[in-house]
Amino acid sequence: MIKAFGIATIWCLDQDSAKEFFVGRLGLEERADLPMGEGGMRWVTVGAKGQPDVQLTLMVPGPPSLDPESAERLRALIAKGVLGAGVFITDDCQAEYERLSAKGVTFVQEPQKRPYGVEAIFRDDSGNWYSLNEPFDRVDQGRP
């Protein structure tokens, strides 16, 4: 029986840079940074403070998880910025947008009301895009 969802993969172009982005800019916490066998592979995970049961693993495309051709194609898609990697939930999208913008996070969409809440879209340092979402159950309906 499946009990929970625990780890999602974020494909990145550089693990050190990705770790700095997620920890230093977004404010997530480092959970692990361990060597994995030969060839310099590492197991790097981060997660939101207060949510210990969910982690993001920051992986560079390549063996053993991908063959060289697939890894190269995936790196090209990451660099092109066409991969969406998920949704981060916040209590105040506008305030978080301002905080993250001040830390150098690149937004491709400022906060806007949507049918499900207030949403802004940002990119990580590899080019993946994410939704920053304040669900309607947390939104003051009177706010623009």
C-alpha atoms as a PDB file:
ATOM      1  CA  MET A   1       0.000   0.000   0.000  1.00  0.00           C
ATOM      2  CA  ILE A   2       1.323   3.454  -0.921  1.00  0.00           C
ATOM      3  CA  LYS A   3       1.485   5.664   2.175  1.00  0.00           C
ATOM      4  CA  ALA A   4       2.696   8.987   0.790  1.00  0.00           C
ATOM      5  CA  PHE A   5       4.535  10.856  -1.936  1.00  0.00           C
ATOM      6  CA  GLY A   6       8.028  11.756  -0.790  1.00  0.00           C
ATOM      7  CA  ILE A   7      10.512  12.845  -3.474  1.00  0.00           C
ATOM      8  CA  ALA A   8      10.172  14.627  -6.822  1.00  0.00           C
ATOM      9  CA  THR A   9      13.032  15.112  -9.283  1.00  0.00           C
ATOM     10  CA  ILE A  10      14.025  18.569 -10.451  1.00  0.00           C
ATOM     11  CA  TRP A  11      16.347  18.313 -13.432  1.00  0.00           C
ATOM     12  CA  CYS A  12      19.044  20.979 -13.301  1.00  0.00           C
ATOM     13  CA  LEU A  13      22.151  21.927 -15.229  1.00  0.00           C
ATOM     14  CA  ASP A  14      24.405  22.340 -12.170  1.00  0.00           C
ATOM     15  CA  GLN A  15      23.709  20.915  -8.706  1.00  0.00           C
ATOM     16  CA  ASP A  16      25.726  23.513  -6.783  1.00  0.00           C
ATOM     17  CA  SER A  17      23.986  26.387  -8.526  1.00  0.00           C
ATOM     18  CA  ALA A  18      20.575  24.727  -8.126  1.00  0.00           C
ATOM     19  CA  LYS A  19      21.194  24.114  -4.417  1.00  0.00           C
ATOM     20  CA  GLU A  20      22.164  27.771  -3.950  1.00  0.00           C
ATOM     21  CA  PHE A  21      18.991  28.852  -5.782  1.00  0.00           C
ATOM     22  CA  PHE A  22      16.603  26.666  -3.781  1.00  0.00           C
ATOM     23  CA  VAL A  23      18.276  27.212  -0.402  1.00  0.00           C
ATOM     24  CA  GLY A  24      19.809  30.689  -0.745  1.00  0.00           C
ATOM     25  CA  ARG A  25      17.088  32.415  -2.757  1.00  0.00           C
ATOM     26  CA  LEU A  26      13.856  30.503  -2.197  1.00  0.00           C
ATOM     27  CA  GLY A  27      14.622  29.729   1.446  1.00  0.00           C
ATOM     28  CA  LEU A  28      14.169  25.950   1.318  1.00  0.00           C
ATOM     29  CA  GLU A  29      16.374  23.829   3.552  1.00  0.00           C
ATOM     30  CA  GLU A  30      19.061  21.407   2.449  1.00  0.00           C
ATOM     31  CA  ARG A  31      18.107  17.859   3.372  1.00  0.00           C
ATOM     32  CA  ALA A  32      20.988  15.868   1.858  1.00  0.00           C
ATOM     33  CA  ASP A  33      24.156  16.312  -0.193  1.00  0.00           C
ATOM     34  CA  LEU A  34      25.807  12.915  -0.467  1.00  0.00           C
ATOM     35  CA  PRO A  35      28.226  11.319  -2.931  1.00  0.00           C
ATOM     36  CA  MET A  36      26.668   8.512  -4.991  1.00  0.00           C
ATOM     37  CA  GLY A  37      29.234   6.072  -6.247  1.00  0.00           C
ATOM     38  CA  GLU A  38      31.819   6.834  -8.865  1.00  0.00           C
ATOM     39  CA  GLY A  39      31.911   9.630 -11.412  1.00  0.00           C
ATOM     40  CA  GLY A  40      31.126  12.516  -9.082  1.00  0.00           C
ATOM     41  CA  MET A  41      27.388  11.835  -8.838  1.00  0.00           C
ATOM     42  CA  ARG A  42      25.625  13.362  -5.840  1.00  0.00           C
ATOM     43  CA  TRP A  43      22.271  12.943  -4.131  1.00  0.00           C
ATOM     44  CA  VAL A  44      21.153  16.501  -3.353  1.00  0.00           C
ATOM     45  CA  THR A  45      17.733  17.119  -1.812  1.00  0.00           C
ATOM     46  CA  VAL A  46      15.963  20.218  -0.523  1.00  0.00           C
ATOM     47  CA  GLY A  47      12.560  20.824   1.018  1.00  0.00           C
ATOM     48  CA  ALA A  48      10.262  23.407   2.529  1.00  0.00           C
ATOM     49  CA  LYS A  49      10.770  24.098   6.210  1.00  0.00           C
ATOM     50  CA  GLY A  50       7.933  22.523   8.149  1.00  0.00           C
ATOM     51  CA  GLN A  51       7.241  19.926   5.452  1.00  0.00           C
ATOM     52  CA  PRO A  52       9.773  17.176   6.208  1.00  0.00           C
ATOM     53  CA  ASP A  53       7.902  14.446   4.323  1.00  0.00           C
ATOM     54  CA  VAL A  54       8.375  16.013   0.849  1.00  0.00           C
ATOM     55  CA  GLN A  55      11.745  16.585  -0.825  1.00  0.00           C
ATOM     56  CA  LEU A  56      13.006  17.764  -4.195  1.00  0.00           C
ATOM     57  CA  THR A  57      16.041  15.956  -5.527  1.00  0.00           C
ATOM     58  CA  LEU A  58      18.242  18.138  -7.726  1.00  0.00           C
ATOM     59  CA  MET A  59      19.565  15.931 -10.505  1.00  0.00           C
ATOM     60  CA  VAL A  60      21.826  16.629 -13.476  1.00  0.00           C
ATOM     61  CA  PRO A  61      20.713  14.594 -16.511  1.00  0.00           C
ATOM     62  CA  GLY A  62      23.092  11.738 -17.205  1.00  0.00           C
ATOM     63  CA  PRO A  63      24.028   8.163 -16.371  1.00  0.00           C
ATOM     64  CA  PRO A  64      22.973   6.023 -14.658  1.00  0.00           C
ATOM     65  CA  SER A  65      19.424   7.405 -14.817  1.00  0.00           C
ATOM     66  CA  LEU A  66      19.629   8.476 -18.477  1.00  0.00           C
ATOM     67  CA  ASP A  67      21.577   7.356 -21.502  1.00  0.00           C
ATOM     68  CA  PRO A  68      23.872  10.026 -23.032  1.00  0.00           C
ATOM     69  CA  GLU A  69      21.519  10.890 -25.921  1.00  0.00           C
ATOM     70  CA  SER A  70      18.483  11.312 -23.649  1.00  0.00           C
ATOM     71  CA  ALA A  71      20.547  13.317 -21.157  1.00  0.00           C
ATOM     72  CA  GLU A  72      21.667  15.722 -23.899  1.00  0.00           C
ATOM     73  CA  ARG A  73      18.093  16.182 -25.135  1.00  0.00           C
ATOM     74  CA  LEU A  74      16.859  16.815 -21.612  1.00  0.00           C
ATOM     75  CA  ARG A  75      19.652  19.352 -20.959  1.00  0.00           C
ATOM     76  CA  ALA A  76      18.598  21.190 -24.137  1.00  0.00           C
ATOM     77  CA  LEU A  77      14.960  21.307 -22.986  1.00  0.00           C
ATOM     78  CA  ILE A  78      15.973  22.562 -19.540  1.00  0.00           C
ATOM     79  CA  ALA A  79      18.180  25.277 -21.028  1.00  0.00           C
ATOM     80  CA  LYS A  80      15.387  26.270 -23.426  1.00  0.00           C
ATOM     81  CA  GLY A  81      13.111  26.874 -20.449  1.00  0.00           C
ATOM     82  CA  VAL A  82      10.190  24.717 -21.559  1.00  0.00           C
ATOM     83  CA  LEU A  83       9.888  22.484 -18.491  1.00  0.00           C
ATOM     84  CA  GLY A  84       7.462  23.300 -15.701  1.00  0.00           C
ATOM     85  CA  ALA A  85       8.480  21.703 -12.459  1.00  0.00           C
ATOM     86  CA  GLY A  86       5.705  22.378  -9.971  1.00  0.00           C
ATOM     87  CA  VAL A  87       3.749  24.699  -7.742  1.00  0.00           C
ATOM     88  CA  PHE A  88       4.895  26.367  -4.530  1.00  0.00           C
ATOM     89  CA  ILE A  89       2.105  27.411  -2.151  1.00  0.00           C
ATOM     90  CA  THR A  90       2.251  30.689  -0.222  1.00  0.00           C
ATOM     91  CA  ASP A  91      -0.067  32.628   2.073  1.00  0.00           C
ATOM     92  CA  ASP A  92       0.705  35.938   0.320  1.00  0.00           C
ATOM     93  CA  CYS A  93       1.730  35.779  -3.337  1.00  0.00           C
ATOM     94  CA  GLN A  94       2.400  39.509  -3.667  1.00  0.00           C
ATOM     95  CA  ALA A  95       4.663  39.655  -0.603  1.00  0.00           C
ATOM     96  CA  GLU A  96       6.533  36.494  -1.642  1.00  0.00           C
ATOM     97  CA  TYR A  97       6.908  37.849  -5.185  1.00  0.00           C
ATOM     98  CA  GLU A  98       8.497  41.013  -3.758  1.00  0.00           C
ATOM     99  CA  ARG A  99      10.766  39.053  -1.374  1.00  0.00           C
ATOM    100  CA  LEU A 100      11.976  36.661  -4.061  1.00  0.00           C
ATOM    101  CA  SER A 101      12.398  39.412  -6.678  1.00  0.00           C
ATOM    102  CA  ALA A 102      14.654  41.248  -4.216  1.00  0.00           C
ATOM    103  CA  LYS A 103      16.754  38.061  -3.924  1.00  0.00           C
ATOM    104  CA  GLY A 104      17.239  37.959  -7.713  1.00  0.00           C
ATOM    105  CA  VAL A 105      14.592  35.381  -8.648  1.00  0.00           C
ATOM    106  CA  THR A 106      13.446  35.921 -12.240  1.00  0.00           C
ATOM    107  CA  PHE A 107       9.681  36.172 -12.651  1.00  0.00           C
ATOM    108  CA  VAL A 108       8.061  35.774 -16.051  1.00  0.00           C
ATOM    109  CA  GLN A 109       4.633  36.724 -14.690  1.00  0.00           C
ATOM    110  CA  GLU A 110       3.785  39.097 -11.857  1.00  0.00           C
ATOM    111  CA  PRO A 111       1.047  38.084  -9.397  1.00  0.00           C
ATOM    112  CA  GLN A 112      -2.342  37.846 -11.108  1.00  0.00           C
ATOM    113  CA  LYS A 113      -5.746  36.631  -9.992  1.00  0.00           C
ATOM    114  CA  ARG A 114      -6.709  33.323 -11.546  1.00  0.00           C
ATOM    115  CA  PRO A 115      -9.805  31.136 -11.047  1.00  0.00           C
ATOM    116  CA  TYR A 116      -7.923  29.168  -8.352  1.00  0.00           C
ATOM    117  CA  GLY A 117      -6.103  32.010  -6.566  1.00  0.00           C
ATOM    118  CA  VAL A 118      -3.289  34.502  -7.087  1.00  0.00           C
ATOM    119  CA  GLU A 119      -0.379  33.203  -9.152  1.00  0.00           C
ATOM    120  CA  ALA A 120       3.064  34.393 -10.228  1.00  0.00           C
ATOM    121  CA  ILE A 121       5.450  32.417 -12.451  1.00  0.00           C
ATOM    122  CA  PHE A 122       9.220  32.263 -11.906  1.00  0.00           C
ATOM    123  CA  ARG A 123      12.211  30.376 -13.267  1.00  0.00           C
ATOM    124  CA  ASP A 124      15.017  28.635 -11.432  1.00  0.00           C
ATOM    125  CA  ASP A 125      18.653  29.128 -12.385  1.00  0.00           C
ATOM    126  CA  SER A 126      18.485  26.264 -14.917  1.00  0.00           C
ATOM    127  CA  GLY A 127      15.386  27.585 -16.706  1.00  0.00           C
ATOM    128  CA  ASN A 128      12.616  25.407 -15.221  1.00  0.00           C
ATOM    129  CA  TRP A 129       9.460  27.364 -14.437  1.00  0.00           C
ATOM    130  CA  TYR A 130       7.283  27.204 -11.328  1.00  0.00           C
ATOM    131  CA  SER A 131       3.971  28.596 -10.187  1.00  0.00           C
ATOM    132  CA  LEU A 132       3.914  30.555  -6.941  1.00  0.00           C
ATOM    133  CA  ASN A 133       0.308  30.166  -5.839  1.00  0.00           C
ATOM    134  CA  GLU A 134      -1.845  31.672  -3.126  1.00  0.00           C
ATOM    135  CA  PRO A 135      -5.009  29.536  -3.259  1.00  0.00           C
ATOM    136  CA  PHE A 136      -8.359  31.302  -3.039  1.00  0.00           C
ATOM    137  CA  ASP A 137      -9.046  29.889   0.409  1.00  0.00           C
ATOM    138  CA  ARG A 138      -6.104  32.067   1.561  1.00  0.00           C
ATOM    139  CA  VAL A 139      -6.805  35.134  -0.604  1.00  0.00           C
ATOM    140  CA  ASP A 140      -8.496  38.300   0.634  1.00  0.00           C
ATOM    141  CA  GLN A 141     -11.068  38.616  -2.153  1.00  0.00           C
ATOM    142  CA  GLY A 142     -11.006  42.392  -1.810  1.00  0.00           C
ATOM    143  CA  ARG A 143      -7.349  42.648  -2.803  1.00  0.00           C
ATOM    144  CA  PRO A 144      -6.558  43.512  -6.431  1.00  0.00           C
END
